[in-house]
C-alpha atoms as a PDB file:
ATOM      1  CA  MET A   1     -30.498 -81.994  20.033  1.00  0.00           C
ATOM      2  CA  ILE A   2     -30.544 -79.312  17.143  1.00  0.00           C
ATOM      3  CA  CYS A   3     -29.081 -80.219  13.661  1.00  0.00           C
ATOM      4  CA  ILE A   4     -27.845 -76.935  11.798  1.00  0.00           C
ATOM      5  CA  ASN A   5     -26.492 -76.685   8.269  1.00  0.00           C
ATOM      6  CA  ASP A   6     -26.876 -73.079   7.956  1.00  0.00           C
ATOM      7  CA  THR A   7     -24.804 -70.792  10.696  1.00  0.00           C
ATOM      8  CA  ALA A   8     -25.770 -67.459   8.690  1.00  0.00           C
ATOM      9  CA  GLU A   9     -29.123 -67.004  10.968  1.00  0.00           C
ATOM     10  CA  LEU A  10     -27.508 -69.244  14.152  1.00  0.00           C
ATOM     11  CA  LYS A  11     -27.254 -66.857  17.156  1.00  0.00           C
ATOM     12  CA  LEU A  12     -26.373 -68.613  20.560  1.00  0.00           C
ATOM     13  CA  ASN A  13     -24.989 -67.351  23.388  1.00  0.00           C
ATOM     14  CA  ASN A  14     -22.329 -68.705  26.364  1.00  0.00           C
ATOM     15  CA  CYS A  15     -21.967 -71.676  24.203  1.00  0.00           C
ATOM     16  CA  ALA A  16     -18.977 -73.935  24.821  1.00  0.00           C
ATOM     17  CA  VAL A  17     -18.235 -75.464  21.211  1.00  0.00           C
ATOM     18  CA  ALA A  18     -16.008 -78.789  19.993  1.00  0.00           C
ATOM     19  CA  LEU A  19     -14.604 -77.898  16.459  1.00  0.00           C
ATOM     20  CA  GLY A  20     -13.326 -80.894  14.456  1.00  0.00           C
ATOM     21  CA  LYS A  21     -14.084 -83.705  11.382  1.00  0.00           C
ATOM     22  CA  PHE A  22     -15.604 -85.908  14.222  1.00  0.00           C
ATOM     23  CA  ASP A  23     -16.491 -88.324  10.595  1.00  0.00           C
ATOM     24  CA  GLY A  24     -15.661 -91.363  12.951  1.00  0.00           C
ATOM     25  CA  LEU A  25     -16.683 -90.206  17.031  1.00  0.00           C
ATOM     26  CA  HIS A  26     -13.942 -92.594  17.538  1.00  0.00           C
ATOM     27  CA  ARG A  27     -12.861 -93.105  21.003  1.00  0.00           C
ATOM     28  CA  GLY A  28     -10.439 -89.715  20.947  1.00  0.00           C
ATOM     29  CA  HIS A  29     -13.205 -87.621  19.513  1.00  0.00           C
ATOM     30  CA  MET A  30     -15.462 -88.918  22.360  1.00  0.00           C
ATOM     31  CA  LEU A  31     -12.357 -86.879  25.175  1.00  0.00           C
ATOM     32  CA  LEU A  32     -13.712 -84.039  23.090  1.00  0.00           C
ATOM     33  CA  ILE A  33     -17.293 -84.714  23.630  1.00  0.00           C
ATOM     34  CA  ASN A  34     -17.076 -85.753  27.067  1.00  0.00           C
ATOM     35  CA  LYS A  35     -15.146 -82.514  28.124  1.00  0.00           C
ATOM     36  CA  LEU A  36     -18.383 -80.271  25.951  1.00  0.00           C
ATOM     37  CA  ALA A  37     -20.460 -82.630  29.085  1.00  0.00           C
ATOM     38  CA  GLU A  38     -18.669 -81.272  31.341  1.00  0.00           C
ATOM     39  CA  LEU A  39     -18.959 -78.092  30.564  1.00  0.00           C
ATOM     40  CA  LYS A  40     -22.767 -78.428  29.960  1.00  0.00           C
ATOM     41  CA  ASN A  41     -22.978 -79.714  33.384  1.00  0.00           C
ATOM     42  CA  GLN A  42     -21.615 -75.753  34.797  1.00  0.00           C
ATOM     43  CA  GLY A  43     -23.879 -74.439  32.519  1.00  0.00           C
ATOM     44  CA  PHE A  44     -22.772 -74.075  28.986  1.00  0.00           C
ATOM     45  CA  THR A  45     -24.813 -74.596  25.696  1.00  0.00           C
ATOM     46  CA  SER A  46     -22.957 -77.411  24.109  1.00  0.00           C
ATOM     47  CA  ALA A  47     -22.280 -77.115  20.314  1.00  0.00           C
ATOM     48  CA  VAL A  48     -20.680 -80.088  18.035  1.00  0.00           C
ATOM     49  CA  TYR A  49     -19.418 -77.514  15.059  1.00  0.00           C
ATOM     50  CA  ALA A  50     -18.417 -80.580  12.331  1.00  0.00           C
ATOM     51  CA  ILE A  51     -16.762 -79.858   9.231  1.00  0.00           C
ATOM     52  CA  ASP A  52     -17.692 -81.835   6.436  1.00  0.00           C
ATOM     53  CA  MET A  53     -15.238 -82.542   3.816  1.00  0.00           C
ATOM     54  CA  GLY A  54     -17.822 -83.801   1.452  1.00  0.00           C
ATOM     55  CA  LYS A  55     -16.193 -87.390   1.086  1.00  0.00           C
ATOM     56  CA  SER A  56     -17.117 -90.864   2.750  1.00  0.00           C
ATOM     57  CA  SER A  57     -17.080 -91.001   5.964  1.00  0.00           C
ATOM     58  CA  ILE A  58     -17.049 -94.081   8.608  1.00  0.00           C
ATOM     59  CA  TYR A  59     -20.559 -92.897  10.056  1.00  0.00           C
ATOM     60  CA  THR A  60     -23.209 -91.173   8.022  1.00  0.00           C
ATOM     61  CA  TYR A  61     -24.709 -88.024   9.070  1.00  0.00           C
ATOM     62  CA  ASP A  62     -27.256 -89.553  10.830  1.00  0.00           C
ATOM     63  CA  GLU A  63     -25.827 -92.127  12.991  1.00  0.00           C
ATOM     64  CA  ARG A  64     -23.353 -89.410  13.589  1.00  0.00           C
ATOM     65  CA  ALA A  65     -26.518 -87.095  15.093  1.00  0.00           C
ATOM     66  CA  GLU A  66     -27.560 -90.042  16.610  1.00  0.00           C
ATOM     67  CA  ILE A  67     -24.625 -90.506  18.713  1.00  0.00           C
ATOM     68  CA  LEU A  68     -24.482 -87.123  19.562  1.00  0.00           C
ATOM     69  CA  ASP A  69     -28.023 -86.762  20.598  1.00  0.00           C
ATOM     70  CA  GLU A  70     -27.317 -89.563  23.053  1.00  0.00           C
ATOM     71  CA  CYS A  71     -24.177 -88.108  24.530  1.00  0.00           C
ATOM     72  CA  ARG A  72     -26.935 -84.824  25.447  1.00  0.00           C
ATOM     73  CA  VAL A  73     -25.179 -82.231  22.707  1.00  0.00           C
ATOM     74  CA  ASP A  74     -27.692 -79.424  22.558  1.00  0.00           C
ATOM     75  CA  TYR A  75     -26.543 -78.234  18.900  1.00  0.00           C
ATOM     76  CA  LEU A  76     -24.725 -80.259  15.820  1.00  0.00           C
ATOM     77  CA  ILE A  77     -23.782 -77.732  13.544  1.00  0.00           C
ATOM     78  CA  ASN A  78     -22.326 -79.475  10.105  1.00  0.00           C
ATOM     79  CA  SER A  79     -20.342 -76.913   7.857  1.00  0.00           C
ATOM     80  CA  ARG A  80     -19.822 -78.418   4.159  1.00  0.00           C
ATOM     81  CA  PHE A  81     -16.042 -77.924   3.129  1.00  0.00           C
ATOM     82  CA  THR A  82     -16.633 -75.352   0.270  1.00  0.00           C
ATOM     83  CA  LYS A  83     -13.954 -72.833  -1.789  1.00  0.00           C
ATOM     84  CA  GLU A  84     -15.675 -70.160   0.172  1.00  0.00           C
ATOM     85  CA  PHE A  85     -14.987 -72.112   3.948  1.00  0.00           C
ATOM     86  CA  ALA A  86     -11.741 -72.972   2.869  1.00  0.00           C
ATOM     87  CA  ASP A  87     -10.609 -69.255   2.098  1.00  0.00           C
ATOM     88  CA  ILE A  88     -11.712 -68.005   5.326  1.00  0.00           C
ATOM     89  CA  LYS A  89      -8.841 -66.178   7.064  1.00  0.00           C
ATOM     90  CA  PRO A  90      -8.498 -67.695  10.754  1.00  0.00           C
ATOM     91  CA  LYS A  91      -9.150 -64.684  12.752  1.00  0.00           C
ATOM     92  CA  LYS A  92     -12.300 -64.099  10.311  1.00  0.00           C
ATOM     93  CA  PHE A  93     -13.844 -67.293  11.219  1.00  0.00           C
ATOM     94  CA  VAL A  94     -13.328 -67.238  14.915  1.00  0.00           C
ATOM     95  CA  GLU A  95     -14.514 -63.399  14.752  1.00  0.00           C
ATOM     96  CA  ASP A  96     -17.431 -64.233  12.122  1.00  0.00           C
ATOM     97  CA  ILE A  97     -19.078 -67.344  13.421  1.00  0.00           C
ATOM     98  CA  LEU A  98     -17.733 -68.589  16.482  1.00  0.00           C
ATOM     99  CA  VAL A  99     -17.970 -64.930  18.259  1.00  0.00           C
ATOM    100  CA  LYS A 100     -20.755 -63.324  16.815  1.00  0.00           C
ATOM    101  CA  ARG A 101     -23.264 -66.657  15.527  1.00  0.00           C
ATOM    102  CA  LEU A 102     -22.081 -68.752  18.670  1.00  0.00           C
ATOM    103  CA  GLY A 103     -21.217 -66.739  21.433  1.00  0.00           C
ATOM    104  CA  VAL A 104     -18.325 -68.937  22.096  1.00  0.00           C
ATOM    105  CA  ARG A 105     -16.818 -69.275  25.757  1.00  0.00           C
ATOM    106  CA  HIS A 106     -14.969 -72.357  25.657  1.00  0.00           C
ATOM    107  CA  ILE A 107     -13.327 -74.012  23.055  1.00  0.00           C
ATOM    108  CA  VAL A 108     -12.195 -77.479  22.656  1.00  0.00           C
ATOM    109  CA  VAL A 109     -10.316 -78.996  19.928  1.00  0.00           C
ATOM    110  CA  GLY A 110      -7.423 -82.316  19.624  1.00  0.00           C
ATOM    111  CA  SER A 111      -3.823 -80.924  19.508  1.00  0.00           C
ATOM    112  CA  ASP A 112      -3.709 -81.247  15.648  1.00  0.00           C
ATOM    113  CA  PHE A 113      -6.709 -78.894  14.630  1.00  0.00           C
ATOM    114  CA  HIS A 114      -5.840 -76.107  11.826  1.00  0.00           C
ATOM    115  CA  PHE A 115      -8.463 -74.413  10.604  1.00  0.00           C
ATOM    116  CA  GLY A 116      -8.545 -71.238   8.070  1.00  0.00           C
ATOM    117  CA  SER A 117      -6.681 -70.606   4.590  1.00  0.00           C
ATOM    118  CA  LYS A 118      -4.300 -72.597   3.787  1.00  0.00           C
ATOM    119  CA  ARG A 119      -4.764 -74.203   7.270  1.00  0.00           C
ATOM    120  CA  GLN A 120      -2.938 -70.707   8.927  1.00  0.00           C
ATOM    121  CA  GLY A 121      -4.667 -71.691  12.160  1.00  0.00           C
ATOM    122  CA  ASP A 122      -3.550 -73.914  14.755  1.00  0.00           C
ATOM    123  CA  VAL A 123      -4.764 -74.655  18.941  1.00  0.00           C
ATOM    124  CA  ASN A 124      -2.336 -71.512  19.682  1.00  0.00           C
ATOM    125  CA  THR A 125      -4.205 -69.241  17.062  1.00  0.00           C
ATOM    126  CA  LEU A 126      -7.227 -70.286  19.013  1.00  0.00           C
ATOM    127  CA  ILE A 127      -5.488 -69.337  22.318  1.00  0.00           C
ATOM    128  CA  GLU A 128      -3.970 -66.005  21.270  1.00  0.00           C
ATOM    129  CA  LEU A 129      -7.306 -64.567  19.807  1.00  0.00           C
ATOM    130  CA  GLY A 130      -9.061 -66.093  23.277  1.00  0.00           C
ATOM    131  CA  LYS A 131      -7.473 -63.144  25.205  1.00  0.00           C
ATOM    132  CA  ILE A 132      -8.842 -61.194  22.494  1.00  0.00           C
ATOM    133  CA  TYR A 133     -12.740 -62.053  22.651  1.00  0.00           C
ATOM    134  CA  ARG A 134     -12.509 -63.887  25.920  1.00  0.00           C
ATOM    135  CA  TYR A 135     -12.915 -67.357  25.648  1.00  0.00           C
ATOM    136  CA  GLU A 136     -11.037 -70.551  27.253  1.00  0.00           C
ATOM    137  CA  VAL A 137      -9.571 -73.601  25.132  1.00  0.00           C
ATOM    138  CA  THR A 138      -9.157 -76.978  25.998  1.00  0.00           C
ATOM    139  CA  VAL A 139      -6.420 -78.619  23.852  1.00  0.00           C
ATOM    140  CA  MET A 140      -6.742 -82.360  23.925  1.00  0.00           C
ATOM    141  CA  ASP A 141      -3.664 -85.029  22.961  1.00  0.00           C
ATOM    142  CA  LYS A 142      -4.271 -87.562  20.547  1.00  0.00           C
ATOM    143  CA  LEU A 143      -5.391 -90.662  22.056  1.00  0.00           C
ATOM    144  CA  ARG A 144      -3.050 -93.839  21.793  1.00  0.00           C
ATOM    145  CA  TYR A 145      -4.453 -97.439  21.779  1.00  0.00           C
ATOM    146  CA  GLY A 146      -1.276 -99.651  22.610  1.00  0.00           C
ATOM    147  CA  ASN A 147       1.289 -98.609  20.307  1.00  0.00           C
ATOM    148  CA  SER A 148      -1.268 -96.662  17.622  1.00  0.00           C
ATOM    149  CA  VAL A 149      -2.851 -93.596  17.773  1.00  0.00           C
ATOM    150  CA  ILE A 150      -6.433 -93.425  17.369  1.00  0.00           C
ATOM    151  CA  SER A 151      -7.459 -91.890  13.989  1.00  0.00           C
ATOM    152  CA  SER A 152     -10.290 -92.039  11.520  1.00  0.00           C
ATOM    153  CA  THR A 153      -7.579 -93.090   8.945  1.00  0.00           C
ATOM    154  CA  ALA A 154      -6.605 -95.881  11.005  1.00  0.00           C
ATOM    155  CA  ILE A 155     -10.012 -97.077  11.094  1.00  0.00           C
ATOM    156  CA  LYS A 156     -10.723 -96.594   7.645  1.00  0.00           C
ATOM    157  CA  GLU A 157      -7.662 -98.616   6.860  1.00  0.00           C
ATOM    158  CA  PHE A 158      -8.670-101.844   9.532  1.00  0.00           C
ATOM    159  CA  LEU A 159     -12.145-101.490   7.826  1.00  0.00           C
ATOM    160  CA  SER A 160     -10.504-102.253   4.641  1.00  0.00           C
ATOM    161  CA  GLU A 161      -8.745-105.650   5.709  1.00  0.00           C
ATOM    162  CA  GLY A 162     -11.985-106.187   7.703  1.00  0.00           C
ATOM    163  CA  ASN A 163     -10.237-106.080  10.882  1.00  0.00           C
ATOM    164  CA  ILE A 164     -13.654-105.563  12.786  1.00  0.00           C
ATOM    165  CA  GLU A 165     -11.955-106.550  16.255  1.00  0.00           C
ATOM    166  CA  ARG A 166      -9.671-103.441  16.227  1.00  0.00           C
ATOM    167  CA  VAL A 167     -12.107-100.854  14.157  1.00  0.00           C
ATOM    168  CA  ASN A 168     -14.175-101.482  17.438  1.00  0.00           C
ATOM    169  CA  ASN A 169     -11.359-100.891  19.844  1.00  0.00           C
ATOM    170  CA  PHE A 170     -10.247 -97.540  18.312  1.00  0.00           C
ATOM    171  CA  LEU A 171     -14.349 -96.781  18.093  1.00  0.00           C
ATOM    172  CA  GLY A 172     -15.189 -97.473  21.158  1.00  0.00           C
ATOM    173  CA  ARG A 173     -18.348 -99.000  20.174  1.00  0.00           C
ATOM    174  CA  GLU A 174     -19.624-101.654  17.957  1.00  0.00           C
ATOM    175  CA  TYR A 175     -19.038-100.514  13.935  1.00  0.00           C
ATOM    176  CA  LYS A 176     -22.276-100.262  12.444  1.00  0.00           C
ATOM    177  CA  ILE A 177     -24.689-100.424   9.599  1.00  0.00           C
ATOM    178  CA  THR A 178     -27.971 -98.840   9.273  1.00  0.00           C
ATOM    179  CA  GLY A 179     -30.960 -98.432   7.184  1.00  0.00           C
ATOM    180  CA  GLU A 180     -34.522 -99.559   5.779  1.00  0.00           C
ATOM    181  CA  ILE A 181     -35.035-103.246   5.376  1.00  0.00           C
ATOM    182  CA  VAL A 182     -35.824-104.124   1.817  1.00  0.00           C
ATOM    183  CA  HIS A 183     -36.934-106.770  -0.474  1.00  0.00           C
ATOM    184  CA  GLY A 184     -34.030-108.354  -2.324  1.00  0.00           C
ATOM    185  CA  ASN A 185     -34.351-111.389  -4.586  1.00  0.00           C
ATOM    186  CA  HIS A 186     -35.299-113.825  -2.132  1.00  0.00           C
ATOM    187  CA  PHE A 187     -32.560-116.335  -3.148  1.00  0.00           C
ATOM    188  CA  GLY A 188     -31.543-116.633   0.897  1.00  0.00           C
ATOM    189  CA  ARG A 189     -35.378-118.389   0.990  1.00  0.00           C
ATOM    190  CA  THR A 190     -35.125-121.214  -1.895  1.00  0.00           C
ATOM    191  CA  ILE A 191     -31.746-122.414   0.170  1.00  0.00           C
ATOM    192  CA  ASN A 192     -33.654-122.206   3.698  1.00  0.00           C
ATOM    193  CA  TYR A 193     -31.660-119.121   4.806  1.00  0.00           C
ATOM    194  CA  PRO A 194     -33.571-116.187   4.596  1.00  0.00           C
ATOM    195  CA  THR A 195     -32.037-112.560   4.967  1.00  0.00           C
ATOM    196  CA  ILE A 196     -33.061-109.197   5.816  1.00  0.00           C
ATOM    197  CA  ASN A 197     -31.337-106.470   3.321  1.00  0.00           C
ATOM    198  CA  ILE A 198     -29.944-102.979   3.499  1.00  0.00           C
ATOM    199  CA  THR A 199     -28.679-100.708   0.908  1.00  0.00           C
ATOM    200  CA  PRO A 200     -26.132 -98.730   2.482  1.00  0.00           C
ATOM    201  CA  ASP A 201     -25.590 -94.956   2.148  1.00  0.00           C
ATOM    202  CA  LYS A 202     -23.650 -94.139  -0.801  1.00  0.00           C
ATOM    203  CA  ASN A 203     -21.311 -92.074   1.350  1.00  0.00           C
ATOM    204  CA  LYS A 204     -20.779 -94.878   3.712  1.00  0.00           C
ATOM    205  CA  ILE A 205     -17.611 -96.455   4.317  1.00  0.00           C
ATOM    206  CA  LEU A 206     -18.114-100.116   4.580  1.00  0.00           C
ATOM    207  CA  PRO A 207     -15.660-103.107   5.669  1.00  0.00           C
ATOM    208  CA  CYS A 208     -14.124-104.916   2.778  1.00  0.00           C
ATOM    209  CA  ASN A 209     -16.386-107.507   1.005  1.00  0.00           C
ATOM    210  CA  GLY A 210     -17.001-110.711   3.170  1.00  0.00           C
ATOM    211  CA  VAL A 211     -18.962-112.271   5.932  1.00  0.00           C
ATOM    212  CA  TYR A 212     -19.484-111.070   9.256  1.00  0.00           C
ATOM    213  CA  LYS A 213     -20.740-111.888  12.632  1.00  0.00           C
ATOM    214  CA  VAL A 214     -23.057-109.657  13.862  1.00  0.00           C
ATOM    215  CA  ARG A 215     -25.362-108.825  16.124  1.00  0.00           C
ATOM    216  CA  VAL A 216     -29.162-107.268  14.834  1.00  0.00           C
ATOM    217  CA  ILE A 217     -31.470-104.326  16.366  1.00  0.00           C
ATOM    218  CA  ILE A 218     -35.049-104.081  15.435  1.00  0.00           C
ATOM    219  CA  ASP A 219     -37.680-102.616  17.096  1.00  0.00           C
ATOM    220  CA  GLY A 220     -35.207-102.503  20.226  1.00  0.00           C
ATOM    221  CA  LYS A 221     -35.061-105.952  20.119  1.00  0.00           C
ATOM    222  CA  ILE A 222     -31.341-107.771  19.538  1.00  0.00           C
ATOM    223  CA  TYR A 223     -30.547-110.710  17.654  1.00  0.00           C
ATOM    224  CA  SER A 224     -27.542-112.385  16.647  1.00  0.00           C
ATOM    225  CA  GLY A 225     -26.727-113.360  12.917  1.00  0.00           C
ATOM    226  CA  VAL A 226     -24.093-113.396  10.261  1.00  0.00           C
ATOM    227  CA  SER A 227     -24.266-110.700   7.291  1.00  0.00           C
ATOM    228  CA  ASN A 228     -22.550-110.415   4.026  1.00  0.00           C
ATOM    229  CA  VAL A 229     -21.212-107.392   2.281  1.00  0.00           C
ATOM    230  CA  GLY A 230     -20.800-107.569  -1.423  1.00  0.00           C
ATOM    231  CA  LYS A 231     -22.443-108.024  -4.622  1.00  0.00           C
ATOM    232  CA  LYS A 232     -23.175-111.758  -3.779  1.00  0.00           C
ATOM    233  CA  PRO A 233     -20.870-112.984  -7.098  1.00  0.00           C
ATOM    234  CA  THR A 234     -22.474-116.882  -6.926  1.00  0.00           C
ATOM    235  CA  VAL A 235     -25.827-115.846  -7.688  1.00  0.00           C
ATOM    236  CA  GLN A 236     -25.439-112.672  -9.860  1.00  0.00           C
ATOM    237  CA  LYS A 237     -23.156-110.859 -12.559  1.00  0.00           C
ATOM    238  CA  ASP A 238     -22.895-107.692 -11.065  1.00  0.00           C
ATOM    239  CA  GLY A 239     -24.604-105.265  -9.049  1.00  0.00           C
ATOM    240  CA  PRO A 240     -24.244-102.653  -5.959  1.00  0.00           C
ATOM    241  CA  VAL A 241     -22.831-103.524  -3.039  1.00  0.00           C
ATOM    242  CA  ASN A 242     -25.448-104.270  -0.258  1.00  0.00           C
ATOM    243  CA  VAL A 243     -25.753-105.508   3.480  1.00  0.00           C
ATOM    244  CA  GLU A 244     -27.741-109.070   3.290  1.00  0.00           C
ATOM    245  CA  THR A 245     -28.174-110.815   6.832  1.00  0.00           C
ATOM    246  CA  TYR A 246     -29.111-114.034   7.947  1.00  0.00           C
ATOM    247  CA  ILE A 247     -30.872-113.649  11.584  1.00  0.00           C
ATOM    248  CA  PHE A 248     -31.001-116.908  13.677  1.00  0.00           C
ATOM    249  CA  ASP A 249     -34.131-118.535  14.823  1.00  0.00           C
ATOM    250  CA  PHE A 250     -36.031-115.588  13.281  1.00  0.00           C
ATOM    251  CA  ASN A 251     -39.083-115.417  10.818  1.00  0.00           C
ATOM    252  CA  CYS A 252     -41.040-112.084  10.796  1.00  0.00           C
ATOM    253  CA  ASP A 253     -42.162-109.794   8.189  1.00  0.00           C
ATOM    254  CA  VAL A 254     -39.943-106.551   9.031  1.00  0.00           C
ATOM    255  CA  TYR A 255     -40.071-104.707   5.443  1.00  0.00           C
ATOM    256  CA  GLY A 256     -39.976-101.154   6.055  1.00  0.00           C
ATOM    257  CA  LYS A 257     -38.709-101.416   9.232  1.00  0.00           C
ATOM    258  CA  LYS A 258     -35.409 -99.598  10.482  1.00  0.00           C
ATOM    259  CA  ALA A 259     -32.073-102.209  11.369  1.00  0.00           C
ATOM    260  CA  GLU A 260     -29.088-101.216  12.729  1.00  0.00           C
ATOM    261  CA  ILE A 261     -26.243-104.316  12.033  1.00  0.00           C
ATOM    262  CA  LEU A 262     -23.651-103.915  14.388  1.00  0.00           C
ATOM    263  CA  PHE A 263     -20.698-105.957  13.334  1.00  0.00           C
ATOM    264  CA  GLU A 264     -18.477-108.360  16.180  1.00  0.00           C
ATOM    265  CA  GLY A 265     -15.955-109.775  14.043  1.00  0.00           C
ATOM    266  CA  PHE A 266     -14.575-111.403  10.398  1.00  0.00           C
ATOM    267  CA  ILE A 267     -15.446-114.844   9.150  1.00  0.00           C
ATOM    268  CA  ARG A 268     -14.466-115.165   5.471  1.00  0.00           C
ATOM    269  CA  LYS A 269     -13.758-113.123   2.591  1.00  0.00           C
ATOM    270  CA  GLU A 270     -16.577-112.879  -0.243  1.00  0.00           C
ATOM    271  CA  MET A 271     -16.277-115.253  -3.175  1.00  0.00           C
ATOM    272  CA  LYS A 272     -17.865-116.614  -5.939  1.00  0.00           C
ATOM    273  CA  PHE A 273     -18.976-120.321  -5.814  1.00  0.00           C
ATOM    274  CA  GLU A 274     -19.109-123.408  -8.205  1.00  0.00           C
ATOM    275  CA  ASN A 275     -22.416-123.790  -7.598  1.00  0.00           C
ATOM    276  CA  ILE A 276     -25.342-123.252  -5.351  1.00  0.00           C
ATOM    277  CA  GLU A 277     -24.744-125.803  -3.265  1.00  0.00           C
ATOM    278  CA  VAL A 278     -21.663-125.296  -2.587  1.00  0.00           C
ATOM    279  CA  LEU A 279     -21.986-121.862  -1.338  1.00  0.00           C
ATOM    280  CA  LYS A 280     -25.472-123.504   0.746  1.00  0.00           C
ATOM    281  CA  ASN A 281     -22.693-125.877   2.386  1.00  0.00           C
ATOM    282  CA  GLN A 282     -20.476-122.964   3.034  1.00  0.00           C
ATOM    283  CA  MET A 283     -23.537-120.544   4.513  1.00  0.00           C
ATOM    284  CA  ALA A 284     -23.733-123.709   6.912  1.00  0.00           C
ATOM    285  CA  GLN A 285     -20.290-123.599   8.166  1.00  0.00           C
ATOM    286  CA  ASP A 286     -20.572-119.718   8.532  1.00  0.00           C
ATOM    287  CA  VAL A 287     -23.370-119.977  10.761  1.00  0.00           C
ATOM    288  CA  LEU A 288     -21.569-122.483  12.776  1.00  0.00           C
ATOM    289  CA  VAL A 289     -18.448-120.556  13.412  1.00  0.00           C
ATOM    290  CA  ALA A 290     -20.859-117.217  14.335  1.00  0.00           C
ATOM    291  CA  LYS A 291     -22.592-119.280  16.472  1.00  0.00           C
ATOM    292  CA  ARG A 292     -19.729-121.099  18.045  1.00  0.00           C
ATOM    293  CA  ASP A 293     -18.034-117.287  18.618  1.00  0.00           C
ATOM    294  CA  PHE A 294     -21.253-115.717  20.225  1.00  0.00           C
END
């Protein structure tokens, strides 16, 4: 897949494009991506045109690109929501970007999609302009899970509550945090719980501070463990939020390697303990809970 941040020099032909924010790539978004796959099989060039609002998101740019690459999307176009972008009239956006630069022949959008200055454009605008510029439009209705509409807003709320099961249901995959394994303060080794440490991307939306049962992928191998998301208030006064993971039955030097932490369930909220011995006893209980659930 080719990733593009500037459409100024872009020149595609016979393109099927999905339009949206795609900050969560949840099950509703995947309806659009799956439709793109169908169109690609019919001979179209597939592209995801993602509008980057410049805010924190469920997936980082690299994580999103990795998922879309696995879906065999040809192009990921990341468009920053600047003042100039916000001021574009709907017809000009279709004509200058979708038609002239992407060579669009098919557009896939959600039913609530809006675009252009003051959100004046919607799916009906796209359909009407399609009669002029000779492209087709597929509109996907909102996907529901039970009585709830699947949305990035809902997923972010579940993350703030530590409701990982609900997050994963809406995503259609495990929520994950990806990053390079870095040196911490090595405190875990002193109490027989050696951990790996990841500093999350600053734009990554994290679950609430707490302890979680997780799977960990390093060098293609999958391990089980528990992760603490937070500031470790028992052993330090203050500091940045990081992700510290104890992997069961694991003792390898993996500093500098990439790790994917896949969240599978919430165990408890992060708390400050009276002393290190109490913390150590609680960690033993956390491990027992995680192993029982696995």
